[in-house]
């Protein structure tokens, strides 16, 4: 997955869906928005719901862990 930093505050984030999302429901996935210092994560079904925010380093560590076989 590739993240492109978005400019602006959290209300103006550019949300992207994983290229690995293969559900039959296009709204059934996780969305990510990146800024220079934070990665925001949300459930696409609840776009206005709670969000998880982590550092770019923590996100990279998670991606590495999640991609292990």
PDB file of N, CA and C in Angstrom:
ATOM      1  N   UNK A   1       0.850  -1.164   0.000  1.00  0.00           N
ATOM      2  CA  UNK A   1       0.000   0.000   0.000  1.00  0.00           C
ATOM      3  C   UNK A   1       0.896   1.227   0.000  1.00  0.00           C
ATOM      4  N   UNK A   2       0.526   2.198  -0.780  1.00  0.00           N
ATOM      5  CA  UNK A   2       1.277   3.436  -0.850  1.00  0.00           C
ATOM      6  C   UNK A   2       0.428   4.562  -0.293  1.00  0.00           C
ATOM      7  N   UNK A   3       1.031   5.379   0.555  1.00  0.00           N
ATOM      8  CA  UNK A   3       0.336   6.521   1.128  1.00  0.00           C
ATOM      9  C   UNK A   3       0.921   7.800   0.575  1.00  0.00           C
ATOM     10  N   UNK A   4       0.046   8.738   0.236  1.00  0.00           N
ATOM     11  CA  UNK A   4       0.485  10.056  -0.190  1.00  0.00           C
ATOM     12  C   UNK A   4       0.053  11.042   0.887  1.00  0.00           C
ATOM     13  N   UNK A   5       0.985  11.847   1.418  1.00  0.00           N
ATOM     14  CA  UNK A   5       0.596  12.817   2.442  1.00  0.00           C
ATOM     15  C   UNK A   5      -0.456  13.782   1.921  1.00  0.00           C
ATOM     16  N   UNK A   6      -1.433  14.085   2.759  1.00  0.00           N
ATOM     17  CA  UNK A   6      -2.475  15.046   2.418  1.00  0.00           C
ATOM     18  C   UNK A   6      -2.198  16.352   3.146  1.00  0.00           C
ATOM     19  N   UNK A   7      -2.483  17.437   2.502  1.00  0.00           N
ATOM     20  CA  UNK A   7      -2.302  18.746   3.131  1.00  0.00           C
ATOM     21  C   UNK A   7      -3.558  19.119   3.899  1.00  0.00           C
ATOM     22  N   UNK A   8      -3.432  20.032   4.826  1.00  0.00           N
ATOM     23  CA  UNK A   8      -4.609  20.544   5.518  1.00  0.00           C
ATOM     24  C   UNK A   8      -4.890  19.846   6.826  1.00  0.00           C
ATOM     25  N   UNK A   9      -6.018  20.203   7.435  1.00  0.00           N
ATOM     26  CA  UNK A   9      -6.372  19.622   8.726  1.00  0.00           C
ATOM     27  C   UNK A   9      -7.183  18.340   8.541  1.00  0.00           C
ATOM     28  N   UNK A  10      -7.588  17.726   9.643  1.00  0.00           N
ATOM     29  CA  UNK A  10      -8.256  16.424   9.590  1.00  0.00           C
ATOM     30  C   UNK A  10      -9.567  16.454   8.816  1.00  0.00           C
ATOM     31  N   UNK A  11     -10.243  17.595   8.747  1.00  0.00           N
ATOM     32  CA  UNK A  11     -11.495  17.657   8.012  1.00  0.00           C
ATOM     33  C   UNK A  11     -11.267  17.717   6.504  1.00  0.00           C
ATOM     34  N   UNK A  12     -10.040  17.979   6.077  1.00  0.00           N
ATOM     35  CA  UNK A  12      -9.719  18.088   4.657  1.00  0.00           C
ATOM     36  C   UNK A  12      -8.773  16.982   4.192  1.00  0.00           C
ATOM     37  N   UNK A  13      -8.756  15.877   4.885  1.00  0.00           N
ATOM     38  CA  UNK A  13      -7.844  14.799   4.537  1.00  0.00           C
ATOM     39  C   UNK A  13      -8.255  14.113   3.246  1.00  0.00           C
ATOM     40  N   UNK A  14      -7.272  13.597   2.535  1.00  0.00           N
ATOM     41  CA  UNK A  14      -7.523  12.811   1.333  1.00  0.00           C
ATOM     42  C   UNK A  14      -7.496  11.340   1.739  1.00  0.00           C
ATOM     43  N   UNK A  15      -8.671  10.735   1.824  1.00  0.00           N
ATOM     44  CA  UNK A  15      -8.792   9.354   2.266  1.00  0.00           C
ATOM     45  C   UNK A  15      -8.610   8.410   1.084  1.00  0.00           C
ATOM     46  N   UNK A  16      -7.848   7.342   1.302  1.00  0.00           N
ATOM     47  CA  UNK A  16      -7.645   6.338   0.264  1.00  0.00           C
ATOM     48  C   UNK A  16      -8.006   4.964   0.813  1.00  0.00           C
ATOM     49  N   UNK A  17      -8.441   4.095  -0.072  1.00  0.00           N
ATOM     50  CA  UNK A  17      -8.750   2.715   0.301  1.00  0.00           C
ATOM     51  C   UNK A  17      -7.615   1.823  -0.147  1.00  0.00           C
ATOM     52  N   UNK A  18      -7.419   0.758   0.564  1.00  0.00           N
ATOM     53  CA  UNK A  18      -6.372  -0.190   0.230  1.00  0.00           C
ATOM     54  C   UNK A  18      -6.606  -0.819  -1.129  1.00  0.00           C
ATOM     55  N   UNK A  19      -5.545  -0.973  -1.874  1.00  0.00           N
ATOM     56  CA  UNK A  19      -5.639  -1.673  -3.156  1.00  0.00           C
ATOM     57  C   UNK A  19      -5.906  -3.154  -2.940  1.00  0.00           C
ATOM     58  N   UNK A  20      -5.764  -3.631  -1.715  1.00  0.00           N
ATOM     59  CA  UNK A  20      -6.022  -5.028  -1.386  1.00  0.00           C
ATOM     60  C   UNK A  20      -7.471  -5.270  -0.971  1.00  0.00           C
ATOM     61  N   UNK A  21      -8.276  -4.225  -0.880  1.00  0.00           N
ATOM     62  CA  UNK A  21      -9.665  -4.370  -0.491  1.00  0.00           C
ATOM     63  C   UNK A  21     -10.431  -5.022  -1.630  1.00  0.00           C
ATOM     64  N   UNK A  22     -10.910  -6.240  -1.409  1.00  0.00           N
ATOM     65  CA  UNK A  22     -11.579  -6.976  -2.482  1.00  0.00           C
ATOM     66  C   UNK A  22     -12.988  -7.426  -2.101  1.00  0.00           C
ATOM     67  N   UNK A  23     -13.591  -6.752  -1.156  1.00  0.00           N
ATOM     68  CA  UNK A  23     -14.940  -7.094  -0.737  1.00  0.00           C
ATOM     69  C   UNK A  23     -15.931  -6.783  -1.860  1.00  0.00           C
ATOM     70  N   UNK A  24     -17.035  -7.486  -1.873  1.00  0.00           N
ATOM     71  CA  UNK A  24     -18.076  -7.201  -2.861  1.00  0.00           C
ATOM     72  C   UNK A  24     -18.775  -5.876  -2.559  1.00  0.00           C
ATOM     73  N   UNK A  25     -18.643  -5.379  -1.342  1.00  0.00           N
ATOM     74  CA  UNK A  25     -19.212  -4.087  -0.956  1.00  0.00           C
ATOM     75  C   UNK A  25     -18.091  -3.057  -0.958  1.00  0.00           C
ATOM     76  N   UNK A  26     -18.141  -2.085  -1.871  1.00  0.00           N
ATOM     77  CA  UNK A  26     -17.048  -1.121  -1.990  1.00  0.00           C
ATOM     78  C   UNK A  26     -16.871  -0.260  -0.750  1.00  0.00           C
ATOM     79  N   UNK A  27     -17.881  -0.224   0.134  1.00  0.00           N
ATOM     80  CA  UNK A  27     -17.759   0.554   1.364  1.00  0.00           C
ATOM     81  C   UNK A  27     -17.288  -0.286   2.542  1.00  0.00           C
ATOM     82  N   UNK A  28     -16.916  -1.515   2.306  1.00  0.00           N
ATOM     83  CA  UNK A  28     -16.536  -2.446   3.364  1.00  0.00           C
ATOM     84  C   UNK A  28     -15.021  -2.556   3.448  1.00  0.00           C
ATOM     85  N   UNK A  29     -14.375  -1.486   3.916  1.00  0.00           N
ATOM     86  CA  UNK A  29     -12.920  -1.539   4.032  1.00  0.00           C
ATOM     87  C   UNK A  29     -12.430  -0.468   4.991  1.00  0.00           C
ATOM     88  N   UNK A  30     -11.143  -0.439   5.149  1.00  0.00           N
ATOM     89  CA  UNK A  30     -10.478   0.560   5.966  1.00  0.00           C
ATOM     90  C   UNK A  30      -9.936   1.634   5.039  1.00  0.00           C
ATOM     91  N   UNK A  31     -10.025   2.878   5.472  1.00  0.00           N
ATOM     92  CA  UNK A  31      -9.468   3.985   4.703  1.00  0.00           C
ATOM     93  C   UNK A  31      -8.347   4.639   5.499  1.00  0.00           C
ATOM     94  N   UNK A  32      -7.370   5.145   4.781  1.00  0.00           N
ATOM     95  CA  UNK A  32      -6.192   5.761   5.381  1.00  0.00           C
ATOM     96  C   UNK A  32      -6.030   7.166   4.820  1.00  0.00           C
ATOM     97  N   UNK A  33      -5.618   8.099   5.666  1.00  0.00           N
ATOM     98  CA  UNK A  33      -5.235   9.440   5.229  1.00  0.00           C
ATOM     99  C   UNK A  33      -3.931   9.790   5.935  1.00  0.00           C
ATOM    100  N   UNK A  34      -2.975  10.273   5.184  1.00  0.00           N
ATOM    101  CA  UNK A  34      -1.662  10.566   5.765  1.00  0.00           C
ATOM    102  C   UNK A  34      -1.359  12.057   5.715  1.00  0.00           C
ATOM    103  N   UNK A  35      -0.785  12.548   6.787  1.00  0.00           N
ATOM    104  CA  UNK A  35      -0.219  13.884   6.846  1.00  0.00           C
ATOM    105  C   UNK A  35       1.260  13.688   7.176  1.00  0.00           C
ATOM    106  N   UNK A  36       2.079  14.711   7.117  1.00  0.00           N
ATOM    107  CA  UNK A  36       3.498  14.503   7.410  1.00  0.00           C
ATOM    108  C   UNK A  36       3.780  13.866   8.773  1.00  0.00           C
ATOM    109  N   UNK A  37       2.950  14.125   9.788  1.00  0.00           N
ATOM    110  CA  UNK A  37       3.243  13.591  11.109  1.00  0.00           C
ATOM    111  C   UNK A  37       2.268  12.572  11.649  1.00  0.00           C
ATOM    112  N   UNK A  38       1.203  12.261  10.904  1.00  0.00           N
ATOM    113  CA  UNK A  38       0.160  11.380  11.418  1.00  0.00           C
ATOM    114  C   UNK A  38      -0.466  10.564  10.301  1.00  0.00           C
ATOM    115  N   UNK A  39      -0.814   9.316  10.627  1.00  0.00           N
ATOM    116  CA  UNK A  39      -1.609   8.486   9.723  1.00  0.00           C
ATOM    117  C   UNK A  39      -2.954   8.279  10.401  1.00  0.00           C
ATOM    118  N   UNK A  40      -4.026   8.627   9.704  1.00  0.00           N
ATOM    119  CA  UNK A  40      -5.385   8.498  10.217  1.00  0.00           C
ATOM    120  C   UNK A  40      -6.007   7.251   9.600  1.00  0.00           C
ATOM    121  N   UNK A  41      -6.740   6.484  10.403  1.00  0.00           N
ATOM    122  CA  UNK A  41      -7.369   5.245   9.946  1.00  0.00           C
ATOM    123  C   UNK A  41      -8.838   5.306  10.349  1.00  0.00           C
ATOM    124  N   UNK A  42      -9.731   4.941   9.404  1.00  0.00           N
ATOM    125  CA  UNK A  42     -11.162   4.925   9.712  1.00  0.00           C
ATOM    126  C   UNK A  42     -11.848   3.774   8.984  1.00  0.00           C
ATOM    127  N   UNK A  43     -13.026   3.422   9.461  1.00  0.00           N
ATOM    128  CA  UNK A  43     -13.885   2.424   8.831  1.00  0.00           C
ATOM    129  C   UNK A  43     -14.690   3.142   7.758  1.00  0.00           C
ATOM    130  N   UNK A  44     -14.618   2.680   6.522  1.00  0.00           N
ATOM    131  CA  UNK A  44     -15.307   3.362   5.433  1.00  0.00           C
ATOM    132  C   UNK A  44     -16.827   3.378   5.613  1.00  0.00           C
ATOM    133  N   UNK A  45     -17.372   2.424   6.360  1.00  0.00           N
ATOM    134  CA  UNK A  45     -18.814   2.397   6.610  1.00  0.00           C
ATOM    135  C   UNK A  45     -19.235   3.468   7.615  1.00  0.00           C
ATOM    136  N   UNK A  46     -18.287   3.939   8.398  1.00  0.00           N
ATOM    137  CA  UNK A  46     -18.579   4.950   9.421  1.00  0.00           C
ATOM    138  C   UNK A  46     -17.600   6.105   9.276  1.00  0.00           C
ATOM    139  N   UNK A  47     -17.643   6.758   8.132  1.00  0.00           N
ATOM    140  CA  UNK A  47     -16.675   7.811   7.820  1.00  0.00           C
ATOM    141  C   UNK A  47     -16.653   8.935   8.854  1.00  0.00           C
ATOM    142  N   UNK A  48     -17.770   9.186   9.486  1.00  0.00           N
ATOM    143  CA  UNK A  48     -17.817  10.235  10.510  1.00  0.00           C
ATOM    144  C   UNK A  48     -17.636   9.679  11.915  1.00  0.00           C
ATOM    145  N   UNK A  49     -17.377   8.391  12.003  1.00  0.00           N
ATOM    146  CA  UNK A  49     -17.193   7.739  13.289  1.00  0.00           C
ATOM    147  C   UNK A  49     -15.789   7.938  13.832  1.00  0.00           C
ATOM    148  N   UNK A  50     -15.439   7.157  14.830  1.00  0.00           N
ATOM    149  CA  UNK A  50     -14.123   7.299  15.455  1.00  0.00           C
ATOM    150  C   UNK A  50     -12.996   6.991  14.480  1.00  0.00           C
ATOM    151  N   UNK A  51     -11.866   7.611  14.718  1.00  0.00           N
ATOM    152  CA  UNK A  51     -10.667   7.412  13.901  1.00  0.00           C
ATOM    153  C   UNK A  51      -9.499   7.052  14.803  1.00  0.00           C
ATOM    154  N   UNK A  52      -8.650   6.251  14.264  1.00  0.00           N
ATOM    155  CA  UNK A  52      -7.407   5.901  14.939  1.00  0.00           C
ATOM    156  C   UNK A  52      -6.314   6.748  14.312  1.00  0.00           C
ATOM    157  N   UNK A  53      -5.462   7.349  15.122  1.00  0.00           N
ATOM    158  CA  UNK A  53      -4.329   8.092  14.592  1.00  0.00           C
ATOM    159  C   UNK A  53      -3.045   7.513  15.174  1.00  0.00           C
ATOM    160  N   UNK A  54      -2.070   7.332  14.298  1.00  0.00           N
ATOM    161  CA  UNK A  54      -0.781   6.782  14.703  1.00  0.00           C
ATOM    162  C   UNK A  54       0.327   7.554  13.998  1.00  0.00           C
ATOM    163  N   UNK A  55       1.534   7.381  14.480  1.00  0.00           N
ATOM    164  CA  UNK A  55       2.679   8.005  13.819  1.00  0.00           C
ATOM    165  C   UNK A  55       2.999   7.234  12.539  1.00  0.00           C
ATOM    166  N   UNK A  56       3.645   7.881  11.581  1.00  0.00           N
ATOM    167  CA  UNK A  56       4.045   7.156  10.374  1.00  0.00           C
ATOM    168  C   UNK A  56       4.933   5.941  10.678  1.00  0.00           C
ATOM    169  N   UNK A  57       5.773   6.036  11.678  1.00  0.00           N
ATOM    170  CA  UNK A  57       6.627   4.905  12.060  1.00  0.00           C
ATOM    171  C   UNK A  57       5.792   3.742  12.580  1.00  0.00           C
ATOM    172  N   UNK A  58       4.808   4.035  13.437  1.00  0.00           N
ATOM    173  CA  UNK A  58       3.933   2.980  13.961  1.00  0.00           C
ATOM    174  C   UNK A  58       3.143   2.335  12.827  1.00  0.00           C
ATOM    175  N   UNK A  59       2.676   3.142  11.871  1.00  0.00           N
ATOM    176  CA  UNK A  59       1.924   2.601  10.730  1.00  0.00           C
ATOM    177  C   UNK A  59       2.817   1.686   9.899  1.00  0.00           C
ATOM    178  N   UNK A  60       4.044   2.116   9.620  1.00  0.00           N
ATOM    179  CA  UNK A  60       4.976   1.295   8.843  1.00  0.00           C
ATOM    180  C   UNK A  60       5.259  -0.017   9.559  1.00  0.00           C
ATOM    181  N   UNK A  61       5.420   0.035  10.883  1.00  0.00           N
ATOM    182  CA  UNK A  61       5.634  -1.193  11.657  1.00  0.00           C
ATOM    183  C   UNK A  61       4.423  -2.120  11.558  1.00  0.00           C
ATOM    184  N   UNK A  62       3.215  -1.557  11.615  1.00  0.00           N
ATOM    185  CA  UNK A  62       1.996  -2.355  11.512  1.00  0.00           C
ATOM    186  C   UNK A  62       1.917  -3.011  10.132  1.00  0.00           C
ATOM    187  N   UNK A  63       2.169  -2.266   9.076  1.00  0.00           N
ATOM    188  CA  UNK A  63       2.117  -2.802   7.721  1.00  0.00           C
ATOM    189  C   UNK A  63       3.117  -3.940   7.572  1.00  0.00           C
ATOM    190  N   UNK A  64       4.310  -3.768   8.099  1.00  0.00           N
ATOM    191  CA  UNK A  64       5.316  -4.836   8.043  1.00  0.00           C
ATOM    192  C   UNK A  64       4.803  -6.083   8.768  1.00  0.00           C
ATOM    193  N   UNK A  65       4.258  -5.895   9.973  1.00  0.00           N
ATOM    194  CA  UNK A  65       3.729  -7.018  10.748  1.00  0.00           C
ATOM    195  C   UNK A  65       2.567  -7.697  10.040  1.00  0.00           C
ATOM    196  N   UNK A  66       1.637  -6.902   9.503  1.00  0.00           N
ATOM    197  CA  UNK A  66       0.447  -7.440   8.865  1.00  0.00           C
ATOM    198  C   UNK A  66       0.762  -8.195   7.565  1.00  0.00           C
ATOM    199  N   UNK A  67       1.875  -7.878   6.941  1.00  0.00           N
ATOM    200  CA  UNK A  67       2.208  -8.506   5.664  1.00  0.00           C
ATOM    201  C   UNK A  67       3.053  -9.774   5.828  1.00  0.00           C
ATOM    202  N   UNK A  68       3.388 -10.119   7.068  1.00  0.00           N
ATOM    203  CA  UNK A  68       4.165 -11.343   7.296  1.00  0.00           C
ATOM    204  C   UNK A  68       3.295 -12.571   7.023  1.00  0.00           C
ATOM    205  N   UNK A  69       3.869 -13.564   6.442  1.00  0.00           N
ATOM    206  CA  UNK A  69       3.137 -14.815   6.178  1.00  0.00           C
ATOM    207  C   UNK A  69       3.177 -15.725   7.366  1.00  0.00           C
TER     208      UNK A  69
END
